[in-house]
């Protein structure tokens, strides 16, 4: 006869198998820390499935998922508008990009691929990408740059062959991003609500699907801090459900969820 504890464990295991989105112990710990930090609410282990169901509902509603080249129009804008504009300008031959809230690294690696394919190797441009996140666990995965092969299936084959290395033997079914991409990215742990050690200026900031969890006052402070750290007329990319309308007047809309810092 099964005990109540056994039945509970089986129920939780069944729930995990039915999960639409991956939700690890580290994910729950991260959410629990955020909720406690910003709301003072201590979530017990018993609230794990409740937290997952609320997050999954939000992800479905916003059509969000972690993937390479997510919201691809941002990378097309970076390739076709922003990078040519920066390279046509005068001054120092440097480009600085910040991926704020980089999670497991798909966004900064997508940025790096776009940059490497757009800025000629022989051009002498100094390009660096800063990638930050609050969670040290996801940052380590980002630094490792190793992903299940199914996570990169949407990347065109030519691009995949150029920037990814397929594993063999014990690593079969996985890919690793090339050293060439990793060399231009610096991954750092950072709480956006605390002090920032970097001085900038950044030409481009990606902060996508992060501020949806903040109230308007917190969003305003964050966007103003971004503006303070950006180069004149720098570009800010936000998530498809986010807007700066009635939040800050320091940016002007350039296209769908693409903003430019005002002088």
C-alpha atoms as a PDB file:
ATOM      1  CA  UNK A   1       0.000   0.000   0.000  1.00  0.00           C
ATOM      2  CA  UNK A   2       1.382   3.380  -0.967  1.00  0.00           C
ATOM      3  CA  UNK A   3       1.935   5.966   1.735  1.00  0.00           C
ATOM      4  CA  UNK A   4       0.723   9.534   1.430  1.00  0.00           C
ATOM      5  CA  UNK A   5       4.351  10.653   0.998  1.00  0.00           C
ATOM      6  CA  UNK A   6       4.837   8.217  -1.892  1.00  0.00           C
ATOM      7  CA  UNK A   7       1.627   9.384  -3.550  1.00  0.00           C
ATOM      8  CA  UNK A   8       2.756  13.014  -3.164  1.00  0.00           C
ATOM      9  CA  UNK A   9       6.131  12.271  -4.796  1.00  0.00           C
ATOM     10  CA  UNK A  10       4.471  10.414  -7.665  1.00  0.00           C
ATOM     11  CA  UNK A  11       2.063  13.303  -8.163  1.00  0.00           C
ATOM     12  CA  UNK A  12       4.923  15.808  -8.297  1.00  0.00           C
ATOM     13  CA  UNK A  13       6.858  13.610 -10.736  1.00  0.00           C
ATOM     14  CA  UNK A  14       3.799  13.358 -12.972  1.00  0.00           C
ATOM     15  CA  UNK A  15       3.394  17.135 -12.851  1.00  0.00           C
ATOM     16  CA  UNK A  16       7.040  17.576 -13.888  1.00  0.00           C
ATOM     17  CA  UNK A  17       6.555  15.256 -16.873  1.00  0.00           C
ATOM     18  CA  UNK A  18       3.525  17.294 -17.938  1.00  0.00           C
ATOM     19  CA  UNK A  19       5.345  20.627 -17.720  1.00  0.00           C
ATOM     20  CA  UNK A  20       5.025  22.707 -20.843  1.00  0.00           C
ATOM     21  CA  UNK A  21       8.139  24.691 -19.906  1.00  0.00           C
ATOM     22  CA  UNK A  22      11.282  23.527 -18.110  1.00  0.00           C
ATOM     23  CA  UNK A  23      11.152  24.566 -14.442  1.00  0.00           C
ATOM     24  CA  UNK A  24      14.160  23.421 -12.424  1.00  0.00           C
ATOM     25  CA  UNK A  25      14.993  23.695  -8.734  1.00  0.00           C
ATOM     26  CA  UNK A  26      17.287  26.585  -9.652  1.00  0.00           C
ATOM     27  CA  UNK A  27      14.411  28.317 -11.479  1.00  0.00           C
ATOM     28  CA  UNK A  28      12.157  28.029  -8.429  1.00  0.00           C
ATOM     29  CA  UNK A  29      14.934  29.215  -6.109  1.00  0.00           C
ATOM     30  CA  UNK A  30      15.493  32.228  -8.370  1.00  0.00           C
ATOM     31  CA  UNK A  31      11.793  33.149  -8.405  1.00  0.00           C
ATOM     32  CA  UNK A  32      11.568  32.643  -4.642  1.00  0.00           C
ATOM     33  CA  UNK A  33      14.519  34.977  -4.120  1.00  0.00           C
ATOM     34  CA  UNK A  34      13.007  37.644  -6.391  1.00  0.00           C
ATOM     35  CA  UNK A  35       9.606  37.464  -4.700  1.00  0.00           C
ATOM     36  CA  UNK A  36      11.176  37.759  -1.260  1.00  0.00           C
ATOM     37  CA  UNK A  37      13.541  40.548  -2.328  1.00  0.00           C
ATOM     38  CA  UNK A  38      10.905  42.720  -3.986  1.00  0.00           C
ATOM     39  CA  UNK A  39       7.702  41.778  -2.153  1.00  0.00           C
ATOM     40  CA  UNK A  40       8.860  40.370   1.194  1.00  0.00           C
ATOM     41  CA  UNK A  41       6.887  37.166   0.597  1.00  0.00           C
ATOM     42  CA  UNK A  42       8.541  33.878   1.637  1.00  0.00           C
ATOM     43  CA  UNK A  43       7.407  31.073  -0.689  1.00  0.00           C
ATOM     44  CA  UNK A  44       7.527  27.558   0.742  1.00  0.00           C
ATOM     45  CA  UNK A  45       8.422  24.441  -1.262  1.00  0.00           C
ATOM     46  CA  UNK A  46       4.715  23.625  -1.335  1.00  0.00           C
ATOM     47  CA  UNK A  47       4.151  26.642  -3.602  1.00  0.00           C
ATOM     48  CA  UNK A  48       6.385  25.336  -6.391  1.00  0.00           C
ATOM     49  CA  UNK A  49       3.598  23.996  -8.621  1.00  0.00           C
ATOM     50  CA  UNK A  50       1.545  27.138  -8.019  1.00  0.00           C
ATOM     51  CA  UNK A  51       4.486  29.317  -9.090  1.00  0.00           C
ATOM     52  CA  UNK A  52       5.027  27.180 -12.192  1.00  0.00           C
ATOM     53  CA  UNK A  53       1.375  27.337 -13.226  1.00  0.00           C
ATOM     54  CA  UNK A  54       1.278  31.139 -12.856  1.00  0.00           C
ATOM     55  CA  UNK A  55       4.513  31.567 -14.822  1.00  0.00           C
ATOM     56  CA  UNK A  56       3.427  29.125 -17.532  1.00  0.00           C
ATOM     57  CA  UNK A  57       0.150  31.000 -17.965  1.00  0.00           C
ATOM     58  CA  UNK A  58       2.076  34.263 -18.332  1.00  0.00           C
ATOM     59  CA  UNK A  59       4.526  32.738 -20.823  1.00  0.00           C
ATOM     60  CA  UNK A  60       1.687  31.374 -22.942  1.00  0.00           C
ATOM     61  CA  UNK A  61      -0.137  34.720 -22.886  1.00  0.00           C
ATOM     62  CA  UNK A  62       2.980  36.621 -23.945  1.00  0.00           C
ATOM     63  CA  UNK A  63       4.124  33.899 -26.347  1.00  0.00           C
ATOM     64  CA  UNK A  64       7.563  33.893 -24.698  1.00  0.00           C
ATOM     65  CA  UNK A  65      10.235  31.237 -24.815  1.00  0.00           C
ATOM     66  CA  UNK A  66      13.995  31.176 -24.501  1.00  0.00           C
ATOM     67  CA  UNK A  67      15.532  30.569 -27.904  1.00  0.00           C
ATOM     68  CA  UNK A  68      18.183  31.834 -30.286  1.00  0.00           C
ATOM     69  CA  UNK A  69      17.105  34.840 -32.382  1.00  0.00           C
ATOM     70  CA  UNK A  70      13.875  35.221 -30.424  1.00  0.00           C
ATOM     71  CA  UNK A  71      11.936  38.260 -31.716  1.00  0.00           C
ATOM     72  CA  UNK A  72      14.098  38.082 -34.809  1.00  0.00           C
ATOM     73  CA  UNK A  73      13.144  41.552 -36.073  1.00  0.00           C
ATOM     74  CA  UNK A  74      15.449  42.970 -33.370  1.00  0.00           C
ATOM     75  CA  UNK A  75      18.442  41.185 -34.852  1.00  0.00           C
ATOM     76  CA  UNK A  76      17.451  42.249 -38.349  1.00  0.00           C
ATOM     77  CA  UNK A  77      17.292  45.850 -37.122  1.00  0.00           C
ATOM     78  CA  UNK A  78      20.689  45.425 -35.489  1.00  0.00           C
ATOM     79  CA  UNK A  79      22.125  44.030 -38.738  1.00  0.00           C
ATOM     80  CA  UNK A  80      20.477  46.312 -41.267  1.00  0.00           C
ATOM     81  CA  UNK A  81      20.218  49.618 -39.419  1.00  0.00           C
ATOM     82  CA  UNK A  82      22.178  49.914 -36.185  1.00  0.00           C
ATOM     83  CA  UNK A  83      25.532  48.346 -37.077  1.00  0.00           C
ATOM     84  CA  UNK A  84      25.862  50.076 -40.485  1.00  0.00           C
ATOM     85  CA  UNK A  85      24.976  53.357 -38.806  1.00  0.00           C
ATOM     86  CA  UNK A  86      27.602  52.861 -36.110  1.00  0.00           C
ATOM     87  CA  UNK A  87      30.282  51.909 -38.618  1.00  0.00           C
ATOM     88  CA  UNK A  88      29.451  54.913 -40.801  1.00  0.00           C
ATOM     89  CA  UNK A  89      29.870  57.296 -37.884  1.00  0.00           C
ATOM     90  CA  UNK A  90      33.026  59.081 -36.831  1.00  0.00           C
ATOM     91  CA  UNK A  91      35.114  58.736 -33.702  1.00  0.00           C
ATOM     92  CA  UNK A  92      36.454  55.671 -31.958  1.00  0.00           C
ATOM     93  CA  UNK A  93      36.172  52.389 -33.856  1.00  0.00           C
ATOM     94  CA  UNK A  94      34.439  50.599 -31.001  1.00  0.00           C
ATOM     95  CA  UNK A  95      30.999  49.085 -30.486  1.00  0.00           C
ATOM     96  CA  UNK A  96      29.659  48.222 -27.037  1.00  0.00           C
ATOM     97  CA  UNK A  97      26.469  46.206 -26.534  1.00  0.00           C
ATOM     98  CA  UNK A  98      24.791  45.160 -23.277  1.00  0.00           C
ATOM     99  CA  UNK A  99      22.441  42.186 -22.936  1.00  0.00           C
ATOM    100  CA  UNK A 100      20.700  42.900 -19.613  1.00  0.00           C
ATOM    101  CA  UNK A 101      18.904  39.817 -18.312  1.00  0.00           C
ATOM    102  CA  UNK A 102      20.777  37.407 -20.572  1.00  0.00           C
ATOM    103  CA  UNK A 103      19.501  34.206 -18.900  1.00  0.00           C
ATOM    104  CA  UNK A 104      21.204  31.089 -20.328  1.00  0.00           C
ATOM    105  CA  UNK A 105      22.973  32.999 -23.101  1.00  0.00           C
ATOM    106  CA  UNK A 106      20.870  32.606 -26.226  1.00  0.00           C
ATOM    107  CA  UNK A 107      20.388  36.370 -26.579  1.00  0.00           C
ATOM    108  CA  UNK A 108      24.053  37.471 -26.316  1.00  0.00           C
ATOM    109  CA  UNK A 109      25.179  34.641 -28.590  1.00  0.00           C
ATOM    110  CA  UNK A 110      22.527  35.686 -31.137  1.00  0.00           C
ATOM    111  CA  UNK A 111      23.837  39.252 -30.888  1.00  0.00           C
ATOM    112  CA  UNK A 112      27.411  38.002 -31.303  1.00  0.00           C
ATOM    113  CA  UNK A 113      26.523  36.018 -34.438  1.00  0.00           C
ATOM    114  CA  UNK A 114      24.788  39.055 -35.917  1.00  0.00           C
ATOM    115  CA  UNK A 115      27.776  41.284 -35.167  1.00  0.00           C
ATOM    116  CA  UNK A 116      30.356  38.820 -36.477  1.00  0.00           C
ATOM    117  CA  UNK A 117      28.412  38.382 -39.698  1.00  0.00           C
ATOM    118  CA  UNK A 118      28.028  42.152 -40.150  1.00  0.00           C
ATOM    119  CA  UNK A 119      31.340  43.682 -39.058  1.00  0.00           C
ATOM    120  CA  UNK A 120      34.226  42.557 -41.307  1.00  0.00           C
ATOM    121  CA  UNK A 121      37.020  40.809 -39.425  1.00  0.00           C
ATOM    122  CA  UNK A 122      39.595  42.970 -41.157  1.00  0.00           C
ATOM    123  CA  UNK A 123      37.838  46.254 -40.408  1.00  0.00           C
ATOM    124  CA  UNK A 124      39.654  46.858 -37.144  1.00  0.00           C
ATOM    125  CA  UNK A 125      36.481  47.464 -35.138  1.00  0.00           C
ATOM    126  CA  UNK A 126      36.667  46.666 -31.426  1.00  0.00           C
ATOM    127  CA  UNK A 127      33.382  44.959 -30.512  1.00  0.00           C
ATOM    128  CA  UNK A 128      32.484  43.786 -27.015  1.00  0.00           C
ATOM    129  CA  UNK A 129      29.236  42.440 -25.576  1.00  0.00           C
ATOM    130  CA  UNK A 130      28.407  42.560 -21.869  1.00  0.00           C
ATOM    131  CA  UNK A 131      25.873  39.931 -20.759  1.00  0.00           C
ATOM    132  CA  UNK A 132      24.441  40.106 -17.241  1.00  0.00           C
ATOM    133  CA  UNK A 133      21.890  38.302 -15.137  1.00  0.00           C
ATOM    134  CA  UNK A 134      20.970  38.073 -11.478  1.00  0.00           C
ATOM    135  CA  UNK A 135      21.088  34.264 -11.431  1.00  0.00           C
ATOM    136  CA  UNK A 136      24.601  32.789 -11.218  1.00  0.00           C
ATOM    137  CA  UNK A 137      23.315  29.340 -12.245  1.00  0.00           C
ATOM    138  CA  UNK A 138      22.001  30.481 -15.617  1.00  0.00           C
ATOM    139  CA  UNK A 139      25.136  32.578 -16.108  1.00  0.00           C
ATOM    140  CA  UNK A 140      27.316  29.500 -15.765  1.00  0.00           C
ATOM    141  CA  UNK A 141      25.285  27.732 -18.440  1.00  0.00           C
ATOM    142  CA  UNK A 142      25.665  30.815 -20.627  1.00  0.00           C
ATOM    143  CA  UNK A 143      29.437  30.857 -20.104  1.00  0.00           C
ATOM    144  CA  UNK A 144      29.669  27.154 -20.960  1.00  0.00           C
ATOM    145  CA  UNK A 145      27.782  27.764 -24.209  1.00  0.00           C
ATOM    146  CA  UNK A 146      26.574  24.156 -24.435  1.00  0.00           C
ATOM    147  CA  UNK A 147      23.006  23.451 -25.559  1.00  0.00           C
ATOM    148  CA  UNK A 148      20.864  20.511 -26.561  1.00  0.00           C
ATOM    149  CA  UNK A 149      20.847  20.183 -30.343  1.00  0.00           C
ATOM    150  CA  UNK A 150      17.058  20.554 -30.453  1.00  0.00           C
ATOM    151  CA  UNK A 151      17.440  24.091 -29.058  1.00  0.00           C
ATOM    152  CA  UNK A 152      19.227  25.233 -32.222  1.00  0.00           C
ATOM    153  CA  UNK A 153      17.065  23.530 -34.836  1.00  0.00           C
ATOM    154  CA  UNK A 154      15.551  26.850 -35.952  1.00  0.00           C
ATOM    155  CA  UNK A 155      18.982  28.274 -36.833  1.00  0.00           C
ATOM    156  CA  UNK A 156      19.711  28.036 -40.586  1.00  0.00           C
ATOM    157  CA  UNK A 157      22.169  25.261 -41.418  1.00  0.00           C
ATOM    158  CA  UNK A 158      24.863  27.549 -42.823  1.00  0.00           C
ATOM    159  CA  UNK A 159      24.854  29.696 -39.692  1.00  0.00           C
ATOM    160  CA  UNK A 160      24.762  26.615 -37.479  1.00  0.00           C
ATOM    161  CA  UNK A 161      27.799  25.121 -39.183  1.00  0.00           C
ATOM    162  CA  UNK A 162      29.711  28.371 -38.882  1.00  0.00           C
ATOM    163  CA  UNK A 163      29.065  29.123 -35.209  1.00  0.00           C
ATOM    164  CA  UNK A 164      28.231  25.818 -33.495  1.00  0.00           C
ATOM    165  CA  UNK A 165      30.290  22.681 -32.897  1.00  0.00           C
ATOM    166  CA  UNK A 166      28.391  19.406 -32.673  1.00  0.00           C
ATOM    167  CA  UNK A 167      29.328  17.061 -29.850  1.00  0.00           C
ATOM    168  CA  UNK A 168      30.274  13.426 -30.331  1.00  0.00           C
ATOM    169  CA  UNK A 169      30.526  10.390 -28.107  1.00  0.00           C
ATOM    170  CA  UNK A 170      29.335  11.291 -24.611  1.00  0.00           C
ATOM    171  CA  UNK A 171      28.435  14.766 -25.911  1.00  0.00           C
ATOM    172  CA  UNK A 172      26.304  13.555 -28.816  1.00  0.00           C
ATOM    173  CA  UNK A 173      23.046  15.455 -29.079  1.00  0.00           C
ATOM    174  CA  UNK A 174      24.647  18.680 -27.883  1.00  0.00           C
ATOM    175  CA  UNK A 175      26.264  21.691 -29.527  1.00  0.00           C
ATOM    176  CA  UNK A 176      28.798  24.207 -28.268  1.00  0.00           C
ATOM    177  CA  UNK A 177      29.121  27.784 -29.461  1.00  0.00           C
ATOM    178  CA  UNK A 178      32.432  28.650 -31.084  1.00  0.00           C
ATOM    179  CA  UNK A 179      35.286  30.292 -29.197  1.00  0.00           C
ATOM    180  CA  UNK A 180      35.077  33.151 -31.680  1.00  0.00           C
ATOM    181  CA  UNK A 181      31.696  34.139 -30.261  1.00  0.00           C
ATOM    182  CA  UNK A 182      32.666  33.593 -26.654  1.00  0.00           C
ATOM    183  CA  UNK A 183      35.749  35.769 -27.057  1.00  0.00           C
ATOM    184  CA  UNK A 184      33.704  38.946 -27.519  1.00  0.00           C
ATOM    185  CA  UNK A 185      31.223  38.309 -24.675  1.00  0.00           C
ATOM    186  CA  UNK A 186      31.783  38.963 -20.977  1.00  0.00           C
ATOM    187  CA  UNK A 187      29.275  37.333 -18.612  1.00  0.00           C
ATOM    188  CA  UNK A 188      28.794  39.013 -15.224  1.00  0.00           C
ATOM    189  CA  UNK A 189      26.353  38.648 -12.358  1.00  0.00           C
ATOM    190  CA  UNK A 190      24.366  41.847 -11.825  1.00  0.00           C
ATOM    191  CA  UNK A 191      21.261  42.956  -9.955  1.00  0.00           C
ATOM    192  CA  UNK A 192      19.644  45.693 -12.043  1.00  0.00           C
ATOM    193  CA  UNK A 193      18.208  47.253  -8.881  1.00  0.00           C
ATOM    194  CA  UNK A 194      21.607  47.774  -7.298  1.00  0.00           C
ATOM    195  CA  UNK A 195      24.734  49.740  -8.265  1.00  0.00           C
ATOM    196  CA  UNK A 196      26.371  49.076 -11.635  1.00  0.00           C
ATOM    197  CA  UNK A 197      30.174  48.845 -11.873  1.00  0.00           C
ATOM    198  CA  UNK A 198      30.380  49.460 -15.634  1.00  0.00           C
ATOM    199  CA  UNK A 199      30.820  52.975 -16.987  1.00  0.00           C
ATOM    200  CA  UNK A 200      29.794  52.630 -20.627  1.00  0.00           C
ATOM    201  CA  UNK A 201      28.934  54.205 -22.887  1.00  0.00           C
ATOM    202  CA  UNK A 202      26.869  51.493 -24.581  1.00  0.00           C
ATOM    203  CA  UNK A 203      25.775  51.886 -28.181  1.00  0.00           C
ATOM    204  CA  UNK A 204      23.050  49.258 -27.847  1.00  0.00           C
ATOM    205  CA  UNK A 205      21.194  47.772 -24.869  1.00  0.00           C
ATOM    206  CA  UNK A 206      18.933  44.728 -25.057  1.00  0.00           C
ATOM    207  CA  UNK A 207      16.591  44.540 -22.057  1.00  0.00           C
ATOM    208  CA  UNK A 208      13.778  42.294 -23.190  1.00  0.00           C
ATOM    209  CA  UNK A 209      10.975  40.766 -21.137  1.00  0.00           C
ATOM    210  CA  UNK A 210      12.537  41.952 -17.885  1.00  0.00           C
ATOM    211  CA  UNK A 211      10.637  45.101 -16.912  1.00  0.00           C
ATOM    212  CA  UNK A 212       7.224  43.428 -17.247  1.00  0.00           C
ATOM    213  CA  UNK A 213       7.753  42.324 -13.647  1.00  0.00           C
ATOM    214  CA  UNK A 214       8.451  45.873 -12.363  1.00  0.00           C
ATOM    215  CA  UNK A 215       6.028  48.663 -11.485  1.00  0.00           C
ATOM    216  CA  UNK A 216       6.065  51.905 -13.490  1.00  0.00           C
ATOM    217  CA  UNK A 217       8.270  53.801 -11.040  1.00  0.00           C
ATOM    218  CA  UNK A 218      10.866  51.031 -11.058  1.00  0.00           C
ATOM    219  CA  UNK A 219      10.715  50.874 -14.858  1.00  0.00           C
ATOM    220  CA  UNK A 220      11.233  54.644 -15.082  1.00  0.00           C
ATOM    221  CA  UNK A 221      14.297  54.533 -12.836  1.00  0.00           C
ATOM    222  CA  UNK A 222      15.751  51.626 -14.785  1.00  0.00           C
ATOM    223  CA  UNK A 223      15.237  53.193 -18.222  1.00  0.00           C
ATOM    224  CA  UNK A 224      16.681  56.508 -17.014  1.00  0.00           C
ATOM    225  CA  UNK A 225      19.751  54.667 -15.740  1.00  0.00           C
ATOM    226  CA  UNK A 226      20.084  52.979 -19.119  1.00  0.00           C
ATOM    227  CA  UNK A 227      19.919  56.372 -20.827  1.00  0.00           C
ATOM    228  CA  UNK A 228      22.622  57.740 -18.519  1.00  0.00           C
ATOM    229  CA  UNK A 229      24.921  54.898 -19.548  1.00  0.00           C
ATOM    230  CA  UNK A 230      24.267  55.035 -23.296  1.00  0.00           C
ATOM    231  CA  UNK A 231      26.080  56.800 -26.081  1.00  0.00           C
ATOM    232  CA  UNK A 232      24.247  59.690 -27.777  1.00  0.00           C
ATOM    233  CA  UNK A 233      21.406  58.301 -29.923  1.00  0.00           C
ATOM    234  CA  UNK A 234      22.055  54.781 -28.638  1.00  0.00           C
ATOM    235  CA  UNK A 235      19.492  52.048 -29.290  1.00  0.00           C
ATOM    236  CA  UNK A 236      17.351  50.225 -26.716  1.00  0.00           C
ATOM    237  CA  UNK A 237      15.534  46.974 -27.535  1.00  0.00           C
ATOM    238  CA  UNK A 238      12.692  45.848 -25.243  1.00  0.00           C
ATOM    239  CA  UNK A 239      10.336  42.873 -25.231  1.00  0.00           C
ATOM    240  CA  UNK A 240       7.339  42.653 -27.537  1.00  0.00           C
ATOM    241  CA  UNK A 241       4.886  43.208 -24.672  1.00  0.00           C
ATOM    242  CA  UNK A 242       6.823  46.141 -23.205  1.00  0.00           C
ATOM    243  CA  UNK A 243       6.636  49.863 -23.911  1.00  0.00           C
ATOM    244  CA  UNK A 244       8.268  53.088 -22.774  1.00  0.00           C
ATOM    245  CA  UNK A 245       5.065  55.047 -23.437  1.00  0.00           C
ATOM    246  CA  UNK A 246       4.264  57.202 -20.385  1.00  0.00           C
ATOM    247  CA  UNK A 247       7.264  55.679 -18.597  1.00  0.00           C
ATOM    248  CA  UNK A 248      10.145  57.906 -19.729  1.00  0.00           C
ATOM    249  CA  UNK A 249      10.629  60.676 -22.284  1.00  0.00           C
ATOM    250  CA  UNK A 250      14.339  60.038 -22.785  1.00  0.00           C
ATOM    251  CA  UNK A 251      13.800  57.679 -25.721  1.00  0.00           C
ATOM    252  CA  UNK A 252      11.820  57.900 -28.930  1.00  0.00           C
ATOM    253  CA  UNK A 253      10.196  55.005 -30.748  1.00  0.00           C
ATOM    254  CA  UNK A 254      12.028  53.857 -33.899  1.00  0.00           C
ATOM    255  CA  UNK A 255      10.045  50.747 -34.724  1.00  0.00           C
ATOM    256  CA  UNK A 256       8.264  47.901 -32.995  1.00  0.00           C
ATOM    257  CA  UNK A 257       9.851  47.748 -29.487  1.00  0.00           C
ATOM    258  CA  UNK A 258      12.964  49.548 -30.770  1.00  0.00           C
ATOM    259  CA  UNK A 259      13.828  52.883 -29.140  1.00  0.00           C
ATOM    260  CA  UNK A 260      16.540  55.490 -29.570  1.00  0.00           C
ATOM    261  CA  UNK A 261      17.981  57.737 -26.919  1.00  0.00           C
ATOM    262  CA  UNK A 262      17.171  61.392 -27.403  1.00  0.00           C
ATOM    263  CA  UNK A 263      20.009  63.911 -27.401  1.00  0.00           C
END
